Amino acid sequence: MEYEHYLKTELKLHQNTLVKYIQYFNRVLDYAVKYEWLEKNVLFGYKCPVKETKREYLNQ
């Protein structure tokens, strides 16, 4: 998908941030379909994998 490629290359976003951006955009498209501004959601059924992140905790 071009939008995903743009977010990765031009904005240099990491995978999980990219997934969030696409989820937000998908909500906007769903809203547009609901109010008949668009005929269909072009992202319907599109999935992006989320990477598990390893979190380090502070030690004293």
Protein backbone atom coordinates (compact mmCIF):
# COMPACT_ATOMS: atom_id res chain seq x y z
CA MET A 1 0.00 0.00 0.00
CA GLU A 2 1.36 3.42 -0.94
CA TYR A 3 0.33 5.11 2.31
CA GLU A 4 2.21 2.52 4.36
CA HIS A 5 5.26 2.91 2.14
CA TYR A 6 5.09 6.71 2.51
CA LEU A 7 4.92 6.48 6.30
CA LYS A 8 7.89 4.10 6.41
CA THR A 9 10.17 5.90 3.96
CA GLU A 10 9.33 9.60 4.07
CA LEU A 11 8.31 9.98 7.71
CA LYS A 12 10.60 7.15 8.92
CA LEU A 13 8.04 5.73 11.34
CA HIS A 14 8.55 2.47 13.17
CA GLN A 15 6.18 -0.46 12.69
CA ASN A 16 3.93 0.01 15.71
CA THR A 17 3.55 3.75 15.10
CA LEU A 18 2.72 3.01 11.48
CA VAL A 19 0.02 0.54 12.57
CA LYS A 20 -1.56 3.21 14.79
CA TYR A 21 -1.59 5.75 11.94
CA ILE A 22 -3.31 3.23 9.66
CA GLN A 23 -5.85 2.37 12.37
CA TYR A 24 -6.74 6.06 12.80
CA PHE A 25 -7.02 6.53 9.04
CA ASN A 26 -9.24 3.45 8.83
CA ARG A 27 -11.61 5.01 11.40
CA VAL A 28 -11.85 8.17 9.30
CA LEU A 29 -12.67 6.09 6.22
CA ASP A 30 -15.33 4.14 8.15
CA TYR A 31 -16.89 7.43 9.22
CA ALA A 32 -16.90 8.66 5.62
CA VAL A 33 -18.62 5.46 4.45
CA LYS A 34 -21.17 5.74 7.25
CA TYR A 35 -22.20 9.22 6.13
CA GLU A 36 -22.03 8.21 2.45
CA TRP A 37 -19.13 10.50 1.55
CA LEU A 38 -17.36 7.42 0.16
CA GLU A 39 -18.84 4.29 -1.36
CA LYS A 40 -16.49 1.87 0.38
CA ASN A 41 -13.55 1.75 2.75
CA VAL A 42 -10.44 0.97 0.71
CA LEU A 43 -8.69 -0.32 3.85
CA PHE A 44 -11.42 -2.82 4.73
CA GLY A 45 -9.73 -6.08 5.74
CA TYR A 46 -6.21 -4.59 5.64
CA LYS A 47 -3.98 -5.82 8.47
CA CYS A 48 -0.55 -4.71 9.62
CA PRO A 49 1.45 -6.84 12.01
CA VAL A 50 2.31 -5.35 15.41
CA LYS A 51 5.81 -6.02 16.71
CA GLU A 52 6.24 -7.01 20.34
CA THR A 53 8.50 -4.50 22.02
CA LYS A 54 10.93 -5.38 24.76
CA ARG A 55 10.63 -2.88 27.58
CA GLU A 56 13.46 -2.31 29.96
CA TYR A 57 12.71 -1.26 33.52
CA LEU A 58 14.73 1.08 35.66
CA ASN A 59 16.75 -0.55 38.43
CA GLN A 60 18.02 1.19 41.54
